[in-house]
Amino acid sequence: MVKKNDDWRILAYKGYMDGQKFEKIDFVSSDKNDHEHCEFCYTKITDLENLSEKVEKSGYVYKDLEKNRSHWLCQECFNDFKERFNFKS
């Protein structure tokens, strides 16, 4: 069954996280990185205080070991799409 891409957050999504296991963690800044963004809605995920925009302190992370890269999702997007894309936690 083909699922219609009826949500703006997934218009560019190509399925690279389908069926992957995610871990919910608090974001911790480092010298190299002080934030990440949700792969779908681009909400900033950071431990820094920033009152000028919406931020999340934690998120769901899938670590792609082959590409040495982490993919972050905010709580809302993880919940909205976990069944559709078979995300595991």
N, C-alpha and C. Protein backbone atom coordinates (compact mmCIF):
# COMPACT_ATOMS: atom_id res chain seq x y z
N MET A 1 0.84 -1.18 0.00
CA MET A 1 0.00 0.00 0.00
C MET A 1 0.89 1.25 0.00
N VAL A 2 0.68 2.14 -0.91
CA VAL A 2 1.42 3.39 -0.98
C VAL A 2 0.75 4.39 -0.07
N LYS A 3 1.56 5.04 0.77
CA LYS A 3 1.02 6.04 1.69
C LYS A 3 1.20 7.42 1.09
N LYS A 4 0.16 8.17 1.11
CA LYS A 4 0.17 9.53 0.58
C LYS A 4 1.00 10.46 1.48
N ASN A 5 1.87 11.24 0.86
CA ASN A 5 2.67 12.22 1.60
C ASN A 5 1.85 13.49 1.75
N ASP A 6 0.93 13.48 2.71
CA ASP A 6 -0.01 14.57 2.89
C ASP A 6 0.40 15.55 3.99
N ASP A 7 1.60 15.46 4.49
CA ASP A 7 2.08 16.31 5.57
C ASP A 7 3.35 17.00 5.09
N TRP A 8 3.41 18.31 5.20
CA TRP A 8 4.56 19.08 4.70
C TRP A 8 5.88 18.62 5.30
N ARG A 9 5.83 18.07 6.51
CA ARG A 9 7.06 17.66 7.19
C ARG A 9 7.76 16.50 6.50
N ILE A 10 7.02 15.73 5.70
CA ILE A 10 7.64 14.55 5.08
C ILE A 10 7.71 14.63 3.56
N LEU A 11 7.47 15.78 3.01
CA LEU A 11 7.50 15.91 1.55
C LEU A 11 8.84 15.53 0.94
N ALA A 12 9.94 15.83 1.61
CA ALA A 12 11.27 15.52 1.08
C ALA A 12 11.87 14.23 1.66
N TYR A 13 11.15 13.57 2.54
CA TYR A 13 11.67 12.38 3.19
C TYR A 13 11.77 11.22 2.21
N LYS A 14 12.93 10.54 2.21
CA LYS A 14 13.19 9.46 1.26
C LYS A 14 13.25 8.07 1.89
N GLY A 15 12.81 7.93 3.14
CA GLY A 15 12.71 6.61 3.75
C GLY A 15 13.95 6.08 4.43
N TYR A 16 14.99 6.89 4.59
CA TYR A 16 16.25 6.40 5.15
C TYR A 16 16.19 6.03 6.63
N MET A 17 15.10 6.38 7.33
CA MET A 17 14.97 6.02 8.75
C MET A 17 13.89 4.96 8.97
N ASP A 18 13.24 4.50 7.93
CA ASP A 18 12.16 3.52 8.07
C ASP A 18 12.64 2.29 8.83
N GLY A 19 11.88 1.90 9.85
CA GLY A 19 12.15 0.69 10.62
C GLY A 19 13.33 0.78 11.56
N GLN A 20 13.93 1.94 11.71
CA GLN A 20 15.12 2.08 12.54
C GLN A 20 14.77 2.24 14.02
N LYS A 21 15.74 1.88 14.86
CA LYS A 21 15.58 2.01 16.31
C LYS A 21 16.07 3.37 16.76
N PHE A 22 15.25 4.06 17.54
CA PHE A 22 15.55 5.38 18.08
C PHE A 22 15.68 5.28 19.59
N GLU A 23 16.52 6.14 20.12
CA GLU A 23 16.71 6.25 21.56
C GLU A 23 16.36 7.68 21.97
N LYS A 24 15.57 7.84 23.01
CA LYS A 24 15.26 9.18 23.50
C LYS A 24 16.36 9.62 24.44
N ILE A 25 17.00 10.76 24.11
CA ILE A 25 18.08 11.26 24.94
C ILE A 25 17.99 12.78 25.07
N ASP A 26 18.59 13.28 26.15
CA ASP A 26 18.73 14.72 26.34
C ASP A 26 19.90 15.17 25.47
N PHE A 27 19.75 16.32 24.82
CA PHE A 27 20.85 16.86 24.03
C PHE A 27 21.88 17.48 24.97
N VAL A 28 23.16 17.24 24.69
CA VAL A 28 24.25 17.83 25.46
C VAL A 28 25.20 18.52 24.48
N SER A 29 25.37 19.82 24.66
CA SER A 29 26.26 20.59 23.78
C SER A 29 27.71 20.14 23.94
N SER A 30 28.45 20.32 22.86
CA SER A 30 29.89 20.07 22.88
C SER A 30 30.59 21.26 22.23
N ASP A 31 31.90 21.23 22.21
CA ASP A 31 32.66 22.30 21.56
C ASP A 31 32.37 22.36 20.07
N LYS A 32 32.03 21.23 19.47
CA LYS A 32 31.79 21.16 18.03
C LYS A 32 30.34 21.36 17.63
N ASN A 33 29.41 21.17 18.57
CA ASN A 33 27.99 21.21 18.21
C ASN A 33 27.14 21.64 19.41
N ASP A 34 26.36 22.71 19.24
CA ASP A 34 25.51 23.16 20.34
C ASP A 34 24.03 22.92 20.08
N HIS A 35 23.70 22.29 18.94
CA HIS A 35 22.30 21.96 18.67
C HIS A 35 22.18 21.00 17.48
N GLU A 36 21.02 20.44 17.35
CA GLU A 36 20.62 19.63 16.20
C GLU A 36 19.25 20.13 15.78
N HIS A 37 18.73 19.60 14.68
CA HIS A 37 17.39 19.94 14.22
C HIS A 37 16.61 18.66 13.95
N CYS A 38 15.32 18.71 14.20
CA CYS A 38 14.44 17.60 13.84
C CYS A 38 14.50 17.40 12.33
N GLU A 39 14.65 16.17 11.91
CA GLU A 39 14.75 15.85 10.48
C GLU A 39 13.48 16.23 9.71
N PHE A 40 12.35 16.28 10.40
CA PHE A 40 11.09 16.55 9.71
C PHE A 40 10.63 18.00 9.81
N CYS A 41 10.57 18.56 11.00
CA CYS A 41 10.00 19.90 11.16
C CYS A 41 11.04 20.98 11.42
N TYR A 42 12.28 20.58 11.57
CA TYR A 42 13.41 21.48 11.78
C TYR A 42 13.40 22.20 13.13
N THR A 43 12.62 21.71 14.09
CA THR A 43 12.67 22.26 15.44
C THR A 43 14.07 22.09 15.98
N LYS A 44 14.59 23.12 16.64
CA LYS A 44 15.93 23.06 17.21
C LYS A 44 15.90 22.23 18.49
N ILE A 45 16.89 21.35 18.62
CA ILE A 45 17.06 20.51 19.81
C ILE A 45 18.39 20.90 20.43
N THR A 46 18.34 21.44 21.65
CA THR A 46 19.55 21.97 22.29
C THR A 46 19.36 22.02 23.80
N ASP A 47 20.48 22.10 24.51
CA ASP A 47 20.42 22.31 25.96
C ASP A 47 20.62 23.79 26.30
N LEU A 48 20.81 24.62 25.30
CA LEU A 48 20.99 26.05 25.53
C LEU A 48 19.65 26.73 25.74
N GLU A 49 19.64 27.77 26.52
CA GLU A 49 18.43 28.55 26.73
C GLU A 49 18.27 29.53 25.57
N ASN A 50 17.12 29.50 24.92
CA ASN A 50 16.87 30.39 23.80
C ASN A 50 15.38 30.70 23.77
N LEU A 51 15.03 31.88 24.20
CA LEU A 51 13.63 32.24 24.29
C LEU A 51 13.07 32.81 22.99
N SER A 52 13.91 33.01 21.98
CA SER A 52 13.44 33.62 20.74
C SER A 52 12.86 32.61 19.74
N GLU A 53 13.00 31.32 20.02
CA GLU A 53 12.44 30.31 19.13
C GLU A 53 12.08 29.05 19.91
N LYS A 54 11.26 28.23 19.31
CA LYS A 54 10.87 26.97 19.94
C LYS A 54 12.07 26.03 19.94
N VAL A 55 12.37 25.48 21.11
CA VAL A 55 13.46 24.51 21.23
C VAL A 55 12.98 23.32 22.06
N GLU A 56 13.61 22.20 21.84
CA GLU A 56 13.39 20.99 22.63
C GLU A 56 14.70 20.69 23.34
N LYS A 57 14.62 20.16 24.54
CA LYS A 57 15.81 19.80 25.31
C LYS A 57 16.26 18.36 25.04
N SER A 58 15.35 17.55 24.51
CA SER A 58 15.67 16.16 24.21
C SER A 58 14.99 15.77 22.91
N GLY A 59 15.36 14.62 22.41
CA GLY A 59 14.77 14.14 21.17
C GLY A 59 15.04 12.66 21.00
N TYR A 60 14.54 12.12 19.91
CA TYR A 60 14.76 10.73 19.56
C TYR A 60 15.87 10.68 18.52
N VAL A 61 16.86 9.81 18.76
CA VAL A 61 18.05 9.75 17.90
C VAL A 61 18.21 8.37 17.30
N TYR A 62 18.44 8.35 15.99
CA TYR A 62 18.84 7.13 15.28
C TYR A 62 20.27 7.37 14.82
N LYS A 63 21.19 6.50 15.23
CA LYS A 63 22.59 6.63 14.86
C LYS A 63 22.90 5.72 13.67
N ASP A 64 23.15 6.34 12.54
CA ASP A 64 23.49 5.63 11.30
C ASP A 64 24.99 5.38 11.33
N LEU A 65 25.38 4.19 11.75
CA LEU A 65 26.80 3.87 11.92
C LEU A 65 27.54 3.78 10.59
N GLU A 66 26.86 3.35 9.53
CA GLU A 66 27.50 3.27 8.21
C GLU A 66 27.93 4.64 7.71
N LYS A 67 27.11 5.64 7.95
CA LYS A 67 27.41 7.00 7.47
C LYS A 67 27.99 7.88 8.57
N ASN A 68 28.18 7.30 9.77
CA ASN A 68 28.72 8.04 10.91
C ASN A 68 27.95 9.34 11.15
N ARG A 69 26.63 9.20 11.25
CA ARG A 69 25.77 10.37 11.38
C ARG A 69 24.59 10.04 12.27
N SER A 70 24.12 11.03 13.03
CA SER A 70 22.94 10.87 13.87
C SER A 70 21.78 11.64 13.26
N HIS A 71 20.59 11.06 13.34
CA HIS A 71 19.37 11.70 12.85
C HIS A 71 18.47 11.94 14.06
N TRP A 72 18.06 13.19 14.24
CA TRP A 72 17.26 13.59 15.40
C TRP A 72 15.82 13.87 14.99
N LEU A 73 14.90 13.46 15.86
CA LEU A 73 13.48 13.79 15.71
C LEU A 73 12.99 14.41 17.01
N CYS A 74 12.15 15.42 16.90
CA CYS A 74 11.52 15.98 18.09
C CYS A 74 10.43 15.00 18.57
N GLN A 75 9.97 15.21 19.77
CA GLN A 75 8.95 14.34 20.37
C GLN A 75 7.70 14.27 19.50
N GLU A 76 7.22 15.43 19.04
CA GLU A 76 5.99 15.48 18.25
C GLU A 76 6.11 14.70 16.95
N CYS A 77 7.19 14.91 16.21
CA CYS A 77 7.35 14.21 14.93
C CYS A 77 7.55 12.71 15.14
N PHE A 78 8.30 12.33 16.17
CA PHE A 78 8.45 10.90 16.45
C PHE A 78 7.09 10.27 16.69
N ASN A 79 6.28 10.89 17.54
CA ASN A 79 4.95 10.36 17.84
C ASN A 79 4.05 10.35 16.61
N ASP A 80 4.11 11.42 15.82
CA ASP A 80 3.24 11.52 14.64
C ASP A 80 3.58 10.48 13.56
N PHE A 81 4.84 10.09 13.44
CA PHE A 81 5.26 9.24 12.33
C PHE A 81 5.78 7.86 12.72
N LYS A 82 5.79 7.52 14.01
CA LYS A 82 6.38 6.24 14.42
C LYS A 82 5.65 5.04 13.81
N GLU A 83 4.36 5.09 13.71
CA GLU A 83 3.63 3.97 13.12
C GLU A 83 3.77 3.98 11.60
N ARG A 84 3.68 5.12 11.02
CA ARG A 84 3.74 5.25 9.55
C ARG A 84 5.07 4.73 9.00
N PHE A 85 6.18 5.02 9.70
CA PHE A 85 7.50 4.63 9.22
C PHE A 85 8.14 3.52 10.07
N ASN A 86 7.35 2.90 10.95
CA ASN A 86 7.79 1.76 11.75
C ASN A 86 9.02 2.08 12.60
N PHE A 87 9.06 3.27 13.19
CA PHE A 87 10.17 3.62 14.08
C PHE A 87 10.05 2.78 15.35
N LYS A 88 11.19 2.34 15.84
CA LYS A 88 11.23 1.56 17.08
C LYS A 88 11.92 2.38 18.16
N SER A 89 11.52 2.15 19.40
CA SER A 89 12.16 2.85 20.52
C SER A 89 12.44 1.89 21.66
